[in-house]
Amino acid sequence: MVYFALGALWYAPPLFGNAWMKAAGIVMPEGQRPGPAIYFAPLIADFVAVIATTMLARATGSDTLGEGLVLGLVVGVGFALTMTGVEATFGNRPKPSTWFLINGAYNLLGLVIAAVIVAVWT
């Protein structure tokens, strides 16, 4: 799944992983890595988001690149950014603005890519 793969890159330490952990207040001991179970929730969440986006694409008749972009922006801004913004506001994180920018941009980009793929190939 492209959305999940994007997350694997996005949250890798060389890209935004270290900044995200600092913004979230997560401290990982040196040399320690999270277990594989931590990836299960994002995998399921991304899958559900793509299924919902697919359903919206079909319901709206979105079947071109342009319509996929619009759908992705509507879903990304209308749901992902707004919900991420609420979580950033009330989530008690050390750097809520940074956390919001990293998570919000990931979800927006992931949903736009998913919507374009769904619109063009379904």
PDB file of N, CA and C in Angstrom:
ATOM      1  N   MET A   1       0.844  -1.174   0.000  1.00  0.00           N
ATOM      2  CA  MET A   1       0.000   0.000   0.000  1.00  0.00           C
ATOM      3  C   MET A   1       0.896   1.247   0.000  1.00  0.00           C
ATOM      4  N   VAL A   2       0.618   2.146  -0.918  1.00  0.00           N
ATOM      5  CA  VAL A   2       1.454   3.334  -1.107  1.00  0.00           C
ATOM      6  C   VAL A   2       1.397   4.275   0.104  1.00  0.00           C
ATOM      7  N   TYR A   3       0.228   4.452   0.681  1.00  0.00           N
ATOM      8  CA  TYR A   3       0.068   5.351   1.826  1.00  0.00           C
ATOM      9  C   TYR A   3       0.953   4.883   2.985  1.00  0.00           C
ATOM     10  N   PHE A   4       0.921   3.586   3.292  1.00  0.00           N
ATOM     11  CA  PHE A   4       1.716   3.035   4.375  1.00  0.00           C
ATOM     12  C   PHE A   4       3.206   3.120   4.054  1.00  0.00           C
ATOM     13  N   ALA A   5       3.574   2.829   2.815  1.00  0.00           N
ATOM     14  CA  ALA A   5       4.983   2.911   2.402  1.00  0.00           C
ATOM     15  C   ALA A   5       5.501   4.341   2.538  1.00  0.00           C
ATOM     16  N   LEU A   6       4.652   5.313   2.178  1.00  0.00           N
ATOM     17  CA  LEU A   6       5.031   6.713   2.360  1.00  0.00           C
ATOM     18  C   LEU A   6       5.326   6.988   3.835  1.00  0.00           C
ATOM     19  N   GLY A   7       4.491   6.452   4.715  1.00  0.00           N
ATOM     20  CA  GLY A   7       4.705   6.632   6.150  1.00  0.00           C
ATOM     21  C   GLY A   7       6.014   6.029   6.629  1.00  0.00           C
ATOM     22  N   ALA A   8       6.371   4.870   6.075  1.00  0.00           N
ATOM     23  CA  ALA A   8       7.632   4.232   6.449  1.00  0.00           C
ATOM     24  C   ALA A   8       8.811   5.144   6.111  1.00  0.00           C
ATOM     25  N   LEU A   9       8.740   5.803   4.983  1.00  0.00           N
ATOM     26  CA  LEU A   9       9.794   6.743   4.602  1.00  0.00           C
ATOM     27  C   LEU A   9       9.699   8.041   5.405  1.00  0.00           C
ATOM     28  N   TRP A  10       8.490   8.570   5.505  1.00  0.00           N
ATOM     29  CA  TRP A  10       8.229   9.857   6.147  1.00  0.00           C
ATOM     30  C   TRP A  10       8.718   9.891   7.590  1.00  0.00           C
ATOM     31  N   TYR A  11       8.407   8.809   8.324  1.00  0.00           N
ATOM     32  CA  TYR A  11       8.739   8.764   9.748  1.00  0.00           C
ATOM     33  C   TYR A  11      10.080   8.084  10.032  1.00  0.00           C
ATOM     34  N   ALA A  12      10.846   7.799   8.999  1.00  0.00           N
ATOM     35  CA  ALA A  12      12.200   7.270   9.193  1.00  0.00           C
ATOM     36  C   ALA A  12      13.071   8.380   9.780  1.00  0.00           C
ATOM     37  N   PRO A  13      14.000   8.022  10.655  1.00  0.00           N
ATOM     38  CA  PRO A  13      14.842   9.054  11.286  1.00  0.00           C
ATOM     39  C   PRO A  13      15.516  10.027  10.323  1.00  0.00           C
ATOM     40  N   PRO A  14      16.021   9.600   9.162  1.00  0.00           N
ATOM     41  CA  PRO A  14      16.678  10.583   8.291  1.00  0.00           C
ATOM     42  C   PRO A  14      15.727  11.644   7.715  1.00  0.00           C
ATOM     43  N   LEU A  15      14.452  11.324   7.589  1.00  0.00           N
ATOM     44  CA  LEU A  15      13.536  12.304   7.019  1.00  0.00           C
ATOM     45  C   LEU A  15      12.889  13.121   8.142  1.00  0.00           C
ATOM     46  N   PHE A  16      11.753  12.664   8.672  1.00  0.00           N
ATOM     47  CA  PHE A  16      11.069  13.420   9.722  1.00  0.00           C
ATOM     48  C   PHE A  16      10.954  12.671  11.041  1.00  0.00           C
ATOM     49  N   GLY A  17      11.460  11.445  11.103  1.00  0.00           N
ATOM     50  CA  GLY A  17      11.297  10.617  12.302  1.00  0.00           C
ATOM     51  C   GLY A  17      11.847  11.235  13.567  1.00  0.00           C
ATOM     52  N   ASN A  18      13.062  11.733  13.516  1.00  0.00           N
ATOM     53  CA  ASN A  18      13.653  12.331  14.721  1.00  0.00           C
ATOM     54  C   ASN A  18      12.912  13.591  15.148  1.00  0.00           C
ATOM     55  N   ALA A  19      12.570  14.436  14.196  1.00  0.00           N
ATOM     56  CA  ALA A  19      11.828  15.666  14.519  1.00  0.00           C
ATOM     57  C   ALA A  19      10.443  15.331  15.059  1.00  0.00           C
ATOM     58  N   TRP A  20       9.803  14.314  14.487  1.00  0.00           N
ATOM     59  CA  TRP A  20       8.480  13.909  14.946  1.00  0.00           C
ATOM     60  C   TRP A  20       8.538  13.383  16.379  1.00  0.00           C
ATOM     61  N   MET A  21       9.542  12.539  16.668  1.00  0.00           N
ATOM     62  CA  MET A  21       9.662  12.003  18.028  1.00  0.00           C
ATOM     63  C   MET A  21       9.914  13.129  19.038  1.00  0.00           C
ATOM     64  N   LYS A  22      10.738  14.084  18.681  1.00  0.00           N
ATOM     65  CA  LYS A  22      11.002  15.211  19.572  1.00  0.00           C
ATOM     66  C   LYS A  22       9.737  16.039  19.782  1.00  0.00           C
ATOM     67  N   ALA A  23       9.008  16.296  18.692  1.00  0.00           N
ATOM     68  CA  ALA A  23       7.774  17.077  18.787  1.00  0.00           C
ATOM     69  C   ALA A  23       6.706  16.361  19.599  1.00  0.00           C
ATOM     70  N   ALA A  24       6.722  15.028  19.543  1.00  0.00           N
ATOM     71  CA  ALA A  24       5.729  14.235  20.268  1.00  0.00           C
ATOM     72  C   ALA A  24       6.147  13.935  21.701  1.00  0.00           C
ATOM     73  N   GLY A  25       7.415  14.207  22.017  1.00  0.00           N
ATOM     74  CA  GLY A  25       7.905  13.911  23.354  1.00  0.00           C
ATOM     75  C   GLY A  25       8.263  12.446  23.538  1.00  0.00           C
ATOM     76  N   ILE A  26       8.590  11.762  22.461  1.00  0.00           N
ATOM     77  CA  ILE A  26       8.963  10.354  22.510  1.00  0.00           C
ATOM     78  C   ILE A  26      10.481  10.254  22.616  1.00  0.00           C
ATOM     79  N   VAL A  27      10.937   9.499  23.594  1.00  0.00           N
ATOM     80  CA  VAL A  27      12.373   9.291  23.779  1.00  0.00           C
ATOM     81  C   VAL A  27      12.647   7.802  23.561  1.00  0.00           C
ATOM     82  N   MET A  28      13.456   7.509  22.570  1.00  0.00           N
ATOM     83  CA  MET A  28      13.838   6.133  22.264  1.00  0.00           C
ATOM     84  C   MET A  28      15.272   5.937  22.741  1.00  0.00           C
ATOM     85  N   PRO A  29      15.490   4.992  23.656  1.00  0.00           N
ATOM     86  CA  PRO A  29      16.860   4.753  24.115  1.00  0.00           C
ATOM     87  C   PRO A  29      17.791   4.426  22.948  1.00  0.00           C
ATOM     88  N   GLU A  30      19.024   4.880  23.056  1.00  0.00           N
ATOM     89  CA  GLU A  30      20.027   4.681  22.004  1.00  0.00           C
ATOM     90  C   GLU A  30      20.150   3.202  21.640  1.00  0.00           C
ATOM     91  N   GLY A  31      20.092   2.936  20.354  1.00  0.00           N
ATOM     92  CA  GLY A  31      20.247   1.581  19.855  1.00  0.00           C
ATOM     93  C   GLY A  31      18.987   0.729  19.914  1.00  0.00           C
ATOM     94  N   GLN A  32      17.940   1.234  20.522  1.00  0.00           N
ATOM     95  CA  GLN A  32      16.687   0.483  20.620  1.00  0.00           C
ATOM     96  C   GLN A  32      15.754   0.884  19.487  1.00  0.00           C
ATOM     97  N   ARG A  33      15.057  -0.093  18.957  1.00  0.00           N
ATOM     98  CA  ARG A  33      14.087   0.155  17.889  1.00  0.00           C
ATOM     99  C   ARG A  33      12.734  -0.377  18.345  1.00  0.00           C
ATOM    100  N   PRO A  34      11.646   0.234  17.865  1.00  0.00           N
ATOM    101  CA  PRO A  34      10.329  -0.290  18.242  1.00  0.00           C
ATOM    102  C   PRO A  34      10.096  -1.664  17.622  1.00  0.00           C
ATOM    103  N   GLY A  35       9.286  -2.455  18.286  1.00  0.00           N
ATOM    104  CA  GLY A  35       8.953  -3.782  17.769  1.00  0.00           C
ATOM    105  C   GLY A  35       8.018  -3.685  16.576  1.00  0.00           C
ATOM    106  N   PRO A  36       7.872  -4.774  15.850  1.00  0.00           N
ATOM    107  CA  PRO A  36       7.039  -4.763  14.643  1.00  0.00           C
ATOM    108  C   PRO A  36       5.555  -4.490  14.919  1.00  0.00           C
ATOM    109  N   ALA A  37       5.089  -4.760  16.126  1.00  0.00           N
ATOM    110  CA  ALA A  37       3.672  -4.555  16.442  1.00  0.00           C
ATOM    111  C   ALA A  37       3.259  -3.088  16.324  1.00  0.00           C
ATOM    112  N   ILE A  38       4.210  -2.160  16.476  1.00  0.00           N
ATOM    113  CA  ILE A  38       3.888  -0.740  16.413  1.00  0.00           C
ATOM    114  C   ILE A  38       3.416  -0.308  15.014  1.00  0.00           C
ATOM    115  N   TYR A  39       3.738  -1.112  14.013  1.00  0.00           N
ATOM    116  CA  TYR A  39       3.354  -0.776  12.643  1.00  0.00           C
ATOM    117  C   TYR A  39       1.961  -1.274  12.278  1.00  0.00           C
ATOM    118  N   PHE A  40       1.370  -2.095  13.119  1.00  0.00           N
ATOM    119  CA  PHE A  40       0.067  -2.685  12.816  1.00  0.00           C
ATOM    120  C   PHE A  40      -1.052  -1.636  12.784  1.00  0.00           C
ATOM    121  N   ALA A  41      -1.108  -0.761  13.780  1.00  0.00           N
ATOM    122  CA  ALA A  41      -2.171   0.255  13.835  1.00  0.00           C
ATOM    123  C   ALA A  41      -2.118   1.199  12.632  1.00  0.00           C
ATOM    124  N   PRO A  42      -0.948   1.749  12.269  1.00  0.00           N
ATOM    125  CA  PRO A  42      -0.921   2.607  11.071  1.00  0.00           C
ATOM    126  C   PRO A  42      -1.293   1.856   9.797  1.00  0.00           C
ATOM    127  N   LEU A  43      -0.896   0.601   9.696  1.00  0.00           N
ATOM    128  CA  LEU A  43      -1.246  -0.190   8.514  1.00  0.00           C
ATOM    129  C   LEU A  43      -2.757  -0.318   8.383  1.00  0.00           C
ATOM    130  N   ILE A  44      -3.416  -0.667   9.469  1.00  0.00           N
ATOM    131  CA  ILE A  44      -4.883  -0.803   9.454  1.00  0.00           C
ATOM    132  C   ILE A  44      -5.542   0.551   9.209  1.00  0.00           C
ATOM    133  N   ALA A  45      -5.072   1.596   9.882  1.00  0.00           N
ATOM    134  CA  ALA A  45      -5.663   2.928   9.712  1.00  0.00           C
ATOM    135  C   ALA A  45      -5.518   3.419   8.276  1.00  0.00           C
ATOM    136  N   ASP A  46      -4.356   3.246   7.688  1.00  0.00           N
ATOM    137  CA  ASP A  46      -4.147   3.663   6.297  1.00  0.00           C
ATOM    138  C   ASP A  46      -5.041   2.867   5.357  1.00  0.00           C
ATOM    139  N   PHE A  47      -5.172   1.574   5.618  1.00  0.00           N
ATOM    140  CA  PHE A  47      -6.028   0.724   4.792  1.00  0.00           C
ATOM    141  C   PHE A  47      -7.485   1.196   4.855  1.00  0.00           C
ATOM    142  N   VAL A  48      -7.973   1.489   6.045  1.00  0.00           N
ATOM    143  CA  VAL A  48      -9.349   1.967   6.208  1.00  0.00           C
ATOM    144  C   VAL A  48      -9.534   3.317   5.509  1.00  0.00           C
ATOM    145  N   ALA A  49      -8.555   4.205   5.632  1.00  0.00           N
ATOM    146  CA  ALA A  49      -8.646   5.508   4.970  1.00  0.00           C
ATOM    147  C   ALA A  49      -8.694   5.359   3.457  1.00  0.00           C
ATOM    148  N   VAL A  50      -7.922   4.427   2.918  1.00  0.00           N
ATOM    149  CA  VAL A  50      -7.923   4.210   1.465  1.00  0.00           C
ATOM    150  C   VAL A  50      -9.248   3.585   1.020  1.00  0.00           C
ATOM    151  N   ILE A  51      -9.794   2.672   1.809  1.00  0.00           N
ATOM    152  CA  ILE A  51     -11.104   2.089   1.481  1.00  0.00           C
ATOM    153  C   ILE A  51     -12.170   3.186   1.467  1.00  0.00           C
ATOM    154  N   ALA A  52     -12.169   4.051   2.472  1.00  0.00           N
ATOM    155  CA  ALA A  52     -13.146   5.148   2.526  1.00  0.00           C
ATOM    156  C   ALA A  52     -12.964   6.096   1.341  1.00  0.00           C
ATOM    157  N   THR A  53     -11.721   6.396   0.994  1.00  0.00           N
ATOM    158  CA  THR A  53     -11.446   7.262  -0.157  1.00  0.00           C
ATOM    159  C   THR A  53     -11.915   6.604  -1.440  1.00  0.00           C
ATOM    160  N   THR A  54     -11.724   5.301  -1.552  1.00  0.00           N
ATOM    161  CA  THR A  54     -12.205   4.559  -2.718  1.00  0.00           C
ATOM    162  C   THR A  54     -13.721   4.644  -2.824  1.00  0.00           C
ATOM    163  N   MET A  55     -14.390   4.484  -1.707  1.00  0.00           N
ATOM    164  CA  MET A  55     -15.857   4.573  -1.704  1.00  0.00           C
ATOM    165  C   MET A  55     -16.320   5.965  -2.127  1.00  0.00           C
ATOM    166  N   LEU A  56     -15.631   6.997  -1.641  1.00  0.00           N
ATOM    167  CA  LEU A  56     -15.981   8.367  -2.030  1.00  0.00           C
ATOM    168  C   LEU A  56     -15.691   8.612  -3.512  1.00  0.00           C
ATOM    169  N   ALA A  57     -14.601   8.055  -4.011  1.00  0.00           N
ATOM    170  CA  ALA A  57     -14.279   8.208  -5.441  1.00  0.00           C
ATOM    171  C   ALA A  57     -15.373   7.596  -6.294  1.00  0.00           C
ATOM    172  N   ARG A  58     -15.825   6.432  -5.913  1.00  0.00           N
ATOM    173  CA  ARG A  58     -16.895   5.775  -6.672  1.00  0.00           C
ATOM    174  C   ARG A  58     -18.204   6.529  -6.553  1.00  0.00           C
ATOM    175  N   ALA A  59     -18.515   6.998  -5.347  1.00  0.00           N
ATOM    176  CA  ALA A  59     -19.778   7.719  -5.134  1.00  0.00           C
ATOM    177  C   ALA A  59     -19.813   9.046  -5.886  1.00  0.00           C
ATOM    178  N   THR A  60     -18.655   9.678  -6.042  1.00  0.00           N
ATOM    179  CA  THR A  60     -18.614  10.972  -6.723  1.00  0.00           C
ATOM    180  C   THR A  60     -18.273  10.847  -8.205  1.00  0.00           C
ATOM    181  N   GLY A  61     -17.979   9.632  -8.631  1.00  0.00           N
ATOM    182  CA  GLY A  61     -17.623   9.427 -10.031  1.00  0.00           C
ATOM    183  C   GLY A  61     -16.253   9.976 -10.381  1.00  0.00           C
ATOM    184  N   SER A  62     -15.385  10.088  -9.393  1.00  0.00           N
ATOM    185  CA  SER A  62     -14.033  10.608  -9.627  1.00  0.00           C
ATOM    186  C   SER A  62     -13.216   9.554 -10.359  1.00  0.00           C
ATOM    187  N   ASP A  63     -12.891   9.836 -11.632  1.00  0.00           N
ATOM    188  CA  ASP A  63     -12.162   8.838 -12.403  1.00  0.00           C
ATOM    189  C   ASP A  63     -11.078   9.430 -13.301  1.00  0.00           C
ATOM    190  N   THR A  64     -10.668  10.641 -13.004  1.00  0.00           N
ATOM    191  CA  THR A  64      -9.571  11.252 -13.753  1.00  0.00           C
ATOM    192  C   THR A  64      -8.508  11.734 -12.768  1.00  0.00           C
ATOM    193  N   LEU A  65      -7.352  12.055 -13.293  1.00  0.00           N
ATOM    194  CA  LEU A  65      -6.269  12.571 -12.465  1.00  0.00           C
ATOM    195  C   LEU A  65      -6.713  13.826 -11.713  1.00  0.00           C
ATOM    196  N   GLY A  66      -7.321  14.766 -12.424  1.00  0.00           N
ATOM    197  CA  GLY A  66      -7.768  16.013 -11.803  1.00  0.00           C
ATOM    198  C   GLY A  66      -8.808  15.784 -10.723  1.00  0.00           C
ATOM    199  N   GLU A  67      -9.758  14.902 -10.996  1.00  0.00           N
ATOM    200  CA  GLU A  67     -10.789  14.600 -10.000  1.00  0.00           C
ATOM    201  C   GLU A  67     -10.187  13.879  -8.799  1.00  0.00           C
ATOM    202  N   GLY A  68      -9.177  13.036  -9.034  1.00  0.00           N
ATOM    203  CA  GLY A  68      -8.481  12.378  -7.932  1.00  0.00           C
ATOM    204  C   GLY A  68      -7.745  13.381  -7.059  1.00  0.00           C
ATOM    205  N   LEU A  69      -7.106  14.359  -7.687  1.00  0.00           N
ATOM    206  CA  LEU A  69      -6.421  15.411  -6.918  1.00  0.00           C
ATOM    207  C   LEU A  69      -7.405  16.191  -6.057  1.00  0.00           C
ATOM    208  N   VAL A  70      -8.526  16.563  -6.652  1.00  0.00           N
ATOM    209  CA  VAL A  70      -9.534  17.315  -5.895  1.00  0.00           C
ATOM    210  C   VAL A  70     -10.069  16.470  -4.740  1.00  0.00           C
ATOM    211  N   LEU A  71     -10.399  15.218  -5.023  1.00  0.00           N
ATOM    212  CA  LEU A  71     -10.905  14.337  -3.965  1.00  0.00           C
ATOM    213  C   LEU A  71      -9.866  14.186  -2.861  1.00  0.00           C
ATOM    214  N   GLY A  72      -8.607  13.965  -3.227  1.00  0.00           N
ATOM    215  CA  GLY A  72      -7.558  13.824  -2.223  1.00  0.00           C
ATOM    216  C   GLY A  72      -7.399  15.069  -1.366  1.00  0.00           C
ATOM    217  N   LEU A  73      -7.490  16.228  -1.996  1.00  0.00           N
ATOM    218  CA  LEU A  73      -7.400  17.477  -1.237  1.00  0.00           C
ATOM    219  C   LEU A  73      -8.598  17.671  -0.316  1.00  0.00           C
ATOM    220  N   VAL A  74      -9.778  17.327  -0.812  1.00  0.00           N
ATOM    221  CA  VAL A  74     -10.987  17.454   0.018  1.00  0.00           C
ATOM    222  C   VAL A  74     -10.899  16.535   1.226  1.00  0.00           C
ATOM    223  N   VAL A  75     -10.548  15.278   0.995  1.00  0.00           N
ATOM    224  CA  VAL A  75     -10.444  14.312   2.093  1.00  0.00           C
ATOM    225  C   VAL A  75      -9.270  14.674   3.006  1.00  0.00           C
ATOM    226  N   GLY A  76      -8.132  15.019   2.412  1.00  0.00           N
ATOM    227  CA  GLY A  76      -6.957  15.342   3.198  1.00  0.00           C
ATOM    228  C   GLY A  76      -7.126  16.576   4.063  1.00  0.00           C
ATOM    229  N   VAL A  77      -7.629  17.645   3.464  1.00  0.00           N
ATOM    230  CA  VAL A  77      -7.832  18.888   4.226  1.00  0.00           C
ATOM    231  C   VAL A  77      -9.064  18.768   5.117  1.00  0.00           C
ATOM    232  N   GLY A  78     -10.156  18.261   4.541  1.00  0.00           N
ATOM    233  CA  GLY A  78     -11.425  18.216   5.263  1.00  0.00           C
ATOM    234  C   GLY A  78     -11.451  17.282   6.447  1.00  0.00           C
ATOM    235  N   PHE A  79     -10.704  16.195   6.374  1.00  0.00           N
ATOM    236  CA  PHE A  79     -10.708  15.239   7.478  1.00  0.00           C
ATOM    237  C   PHE A  79      -9.344  15.137   8.156  1.00  0.00           C
ATOM    238  N   ALA A  80      -8.324  14.778   7.401  1.00  0.00           N
ATOM    239  CA  ALA A  80      -7.019  14.501   8.010  1.00  0.00           C
ATOM    240  C   ALA A  80      -6.417  15.728   8.694  1.00  0.00           C
ATOM    241  N   LEU A  81      -6.372  16.860   7.979  1.00  0.00           N
ATOM    242  CA  LEU A  81      -5.768  18.044   8.596  1.00  0.00           C
ATOM    243  C   LEU A  81      -6.590  18.572   9.766  1.00  0.00           C
ATOM    244  N   THR A  82      -7.890  18.548   9.635  1.00  0.00           N
ATOM    245  CA  THR A  82      -8.710  19.065  10.732  1.00  0.00           C
ATOM    246  C   THR A  82      -8.588  18.189  11.978  1.00  0.00           C
ATOM    247  N   MET A  83      -8.624  16.872  11.803  1.00  0.00           N
ATOM    248  CA  MET A  83      -8.510  15.979  12.950  1.00  0.00           C
ATOM    249  C   MET A  83      -7.103  16.031  13.551  1.00  0.00           C
ATOM    250  N   THR A  84      -6.102  16.142  12.713  1.00  0.00           N
ATOM    251  CA  THR A  84      -4.727  16.264  13.197  1.00  0.00           C
ATOM    252  C   THR A  84      -4.561  17.578  13.956  1.00  0.00           C
ATOM    253  N   GLY A  85      -5.218  18.630  13.472  1.00  0.00           N
ATOM    254  CA  GLY A  85      -5.167  19.918  14.156  1.00  0.00           C
ATOM    255  C   GLY A  85      -5.788  19.872  15.539  1.00  0.00           C
ATOM    256  N   VAL A  86      -6.905  19.185  15.656  1.00  0.00           N
ATOM    257  CA  VAL A  86      -7.544  19.034  16.974  1.00  0.00           C
ATOM    258  C   VAL A  86      -6.627  18.255  17.907  1.00  0.00           C
ATOM    259  N   GLU A  87      -6.062  17.161  17.407  1.00  0.00           N
ATOM    260  CA  GLU A  87      -5.152  16.352  18.225  1.00  0.00           C
ATOM    261  C   GLU A  87      -3.922  17.153  18.630  1.00  0.00           C
ATOM    262  N   ALA A  88      -3.403  17.975  17.727  1.00  0.00           N
ATOM    263  CA  ALA A  88      -2.245  18.810  18.060  1.00  0.00           C
ATOM    264  C   ALA A  88      -2.597  19.839  19.125  1.00  0.00           C
ATOM    265  N   THR A  89      -3.804  20.349  19.065  1.00  0.00           N
ATOM    266  CA  THR A  89      -4.230  21.367  20.024  1.00  0.00           C
ATOM    267  C   THR A  89      -4.402  20.809  21.430  1.00  0.00           C
ATOM    268  N   PHE A  90      -4.982  19.628  21.532  1.00  0.00           N
ATOM    269  CA  PHE A  90      -5.307  19.088  22.847  1.00  0.00           C
ATOM    270  C   PHE A  90      -4.467  17.883  23.253  1.00  0.00           C
ATOM    271  N   GLY A  91      -3.490  17.508  22.449  1.00  0.00           N
ATOM    272  CA  GLY A  91      -2.712  16.296  22.705  1.00  0.00           C
ATOM    273  C   GLY A  91      -1.563  16.431  23.676  1.00  0.00           C
ATOM    274  N   ASN A  92      -1.308  17.625  24.198  1.00  0.00           N
ATOM    275  CA  ASN A  92      -0.264  17.841  25.191  1.00  0.00           C
ATOM    276  C   ASN A  92       1.106  17.348  24.719  1.00  0.00           C
ATOM    277  N   ARG A  93       1.523  17.857  23.585  1.00  0.00           N
ATOM    278  CA  ARG A  93       2.827  17.513  23.023  1.00  0.00           C
ATOM    279  C   ARG A  93       3.796  18.672  23.244  1.00  0.00           C
ATOM    280  N   PRO A  94       5.092  18.364  23.375  1.00  0.00           N
ATOM    281  CA  PRO A  94       6.072  19.438  23.600  1.00  0.00           C
ATOM    282  C   PRO A  94       6.125  20.471  22.468  1.00  0.00           C
ATOM    283  N   LYS A  95       5.965  20.013  21.231  1.00  0.00           N
ATOM    284  CA  LYS A  95       6.017  20.918  20.080  1.00  0.00           C
ATOM    285  C   LYS A  95       4.816  20.617  19.179  1.00  0.00           C
ATOM    286  N   PRO A  96       3.638  21.099  19.569  1.00  0.00           N
ATOM    287  CA  PRO A  96       2.422  20.743  18.826  1.00  0.00           C
ATOM    288  C   PRO A  96       2.412  21.232  17.380  1.00  0.00           C
ATOM    289  N   SER A  97       2.994  22.391  17.109  1.00  0.00           N
ATOM    290  CA  SER A  97       2.997  22.904  15.731  1.00  0.00           C
ATOM    291  C   SER A  97       3.842  22.027  14.815  1.00  0.00           C
ATOM    292  N   THR A  98       5.012  21.622  15.294  1.00  0.00           N
ATOM    293  CA  THR A  98       5.873  20.741  14.509  1.00  0.00           C
ATOM    294  C   THR A  98       5.195  19.393  14.311  1.00  0.00           C
ATOM    295  N   TRP A  99       4.616  18.863  15.375  1.00  0.00           N
ATOM    296  CA  TRP A  99       3.900  17.588  15.301  1.00  0.00           C
ATOM    297  C   TRP A  99       2.779  17.669  14.265  1.00  0.00           C
ATOM    298  N   PHE A 100       2.022  18.767  14.298  1.00  0.00           N
ATOM    299  CA  PHE A 100       0.927  18.959  13.343  1.00  0.00           C
ATOM    300  C   PHE A 100       1.458  19.021  11.912  1.00  0.00           C
ATOM    301  N   LEU A 101       2.504  19.795  11.676  1.00  0.00           N
ATOM    302  CA  LEU A 101       3.039  19.932  10.317  1.00  0.00           C
ATOM    303  C   LEU A 101       3.523  18.594   9.760  1.00  0.00           C
ATOM    304  N   ILE A 102       4.232  17.822  10.579  1.00  0.00           N
ATOM    305  CA  ILE A 102       4.748  16.533  10.110  1.00  0.00           C
ATOM    306  C   ILE A 102       3.605  15.558   9.853  1.00  0.00           C
ATOM    307  N   ASN A 103       2.717  15.396  10.813  1.00  0.00           N
ATOM    308  CA  ASN A 103       1.601  14.450  10.648  1.00  0.00           C
ATOM    309  C   ASN A 103       0.600  14.925   9.602  1.00  0.00           C
ATOM    310  N   GLY A 104       0.286  16.199   9.642  1.00  0.00           N
ATOM    311  CA  GLY A 104      -0.691  16.737   8.692  1.00  0.00           C
ATOM    312  C   GLY A 104      -0.221  16.617   7.258  1.00  0.00           C
ATOM    313  N   ALA A 105       1.027  16.970   7.009  1.00  0.00           N
ATOM    314  CA  ALA A 105       1.567  16.884   5.646  1.00  0.00           C
ATOM    315  C   ALA A 105       1.612  15.439   5.169  1.00  0.00           C
ATOM    316  N   TYR A 106       1.987  14.512   6.065  1.00  0.00           N
ATOM    317  CA  TYR A 106       2.006  13.091   5.698  1.00  0.00           C
ATOM    318  C   TYR A 106       0.612  12.616   5.295  1.00  0.00           C
ATOM    319  N   ASN A 107      -0.369  12.900   6.128  1.00  0.00           N
ATOM    320  CA  ASN A 107      -1.726  12.430   5.832  1.00  0.00           C
ATOM    321  C   ASN A 107      -2.307  13.106   4.596  1.00  0.00           C
ATOM    322  N   LEU A 108      -2.059  14.379   4.434  1.00  0.00           N
ATOM    323  CA  LEU A 108      -2.542  15.075   3.246  1.00  0.00           C
ATOM    324  C   LEU A 108      -1.922  14.480   1.986  1.00  0.00           C
ATOM    325  N   LEU A 109      -0.606  14.352   1.968  1.00  0.00           N
ATOM    326  CA  LEU A 109       0.068  13.799   0.798  1.00  0.00           C
ATOM    327  C   LEU A 109      -0.356  12.350   0.553  1.00  0.00           C
ATOM    328  N   GLY A 110      -0.429  11.562   1.605  1.00  0.00           N
ATOM    329  CA  GLY A 110      -0.835  10.163   1.457  1.00  0.00           C
ATOM    330  C   GLY A 110      -2.229  10.017   0.894  1.00  0.00           C
ATOM    331  N   LEU A 111      -3.158  10.838   1.349  1.00  0.00           N
ATOM    332  CA  LEU A 111      -4.537  10.765   0.854  1.00  0.00           C
ATOM    333  C   LEU A 111      -4.660  11.290  -0.568  1.00  0.00           C
ATOM    334  N   VAL A 112      -3.893  12.300  -0.917  1.00  0.00           N
ATOM    335  CA  VAL A 112      -3.914  12.786  -2.306  1.00  0.00           C
ATOM    336  C   VAL A 112      -3.381  11.700  -3.233  1.00  0.00           C
ATOM    337  N   ILE A 113      -2.273  11.084  -2.867  1.00  0.00           N
ATOM    338  CA  ILE A 113      -1.724  10.007  -3.696  1.00  0.00           C
ATOM    339  C   ILE A 113      -2.716   8.863  -3.810  1.00  0.00           C
ATOM    340  N   ALA A 114      -3.308   8.459  -2.689  1.00  0.00           N
ATOM    341  CA  ALA A 114      -4.280   7.367  -2.705  1.00  0.00           C
ATOM    342  C   ALA A 114      -5.485   7.709  -3.583  1.00  0.00           C
ATOM    343  N   ALA A 115      -5.992   8.923  -3.458  1.00  0.00           N
ATOM    344  CA  ALA A 115      -7.160   9.329  -4.245  1.00  0.00           C
ATOM    345  C   ALA A 115      -6.854   9.349  -5.733  1.00  0.00           C
ATOM    346  N   VAL A 116      -5.663   9.808  -6.087  1.00  0.00           N
ATOM    347  CA  VAL A 116      -5.277   9.828  -7.507  1.00  0.00           C
ATOM    348  C   VAL A 116      -5.184   8.397  -8.038  1.00  0.00           C
ATOM    349  N   ILE A 117      -4.545   7.521  -7.283  1.00  0.00           N
ATOM    350  CA  ILE A 117      -4.433   6.119  -7.719  1.00  0.00           C
ATOM    351  C   ILE A 117      -5.809   5.502  -7.865  1.00  0.00           C
ATOM    352  N   VAL A 118      -6.644   5.692  -6.876  1.00  0.00           N
ATOM    353  CA  VAL A 118      -7.998   5.122  -6.913  1.00  0.00           C
ATOM    354  C   VAL A 118      -8.802   5.684  -8.080  1.00  0.00           C
ATOM    355  N   ALA A 119      -8.723   6.965  -8.294  1.00  0.00           N
ATOM    356  CA  ALA A 119      -9.509   7.604  -9.368  1.00  0.00           C
ATOM    357  C   ALA A 119      -9.052   7.131 -10.738  1.00  0.00           C
ATOM    358  N   VAL A 120      -7.763   7.031 -10.938  1.00  0.00           N
ATOM    359  CA  VAL A 120      -7.235   6.686 -12.255  1.00  0.00           C
ATOM    360  C   VAL A 120      -7.363   5.191 -12.549  1.00  0.00           C
ATOM    361  N   TRP A 121      -7.229   4.347 -11.532  1.00  0.00           N
ATOM    362  CA  TRP A 121      -7.177   2.902 -11.785  1.00  0.00           C
ATOM    363  C   TRP A 121      -8.411   2.118 -11.377  1.00  0.00           C
ATOM    364  N   THR A 122      -9.486   2.775 -10.968  1.00  0.00           N
ATOM    365  CA  THR A 122     -10.682   1.988 -10.642  1.00  0.00           C
ATOM    366  C   THR A 122     -11.813   2.321 -11.575  1.00  0.00           C
TER     367      THR A 122
END
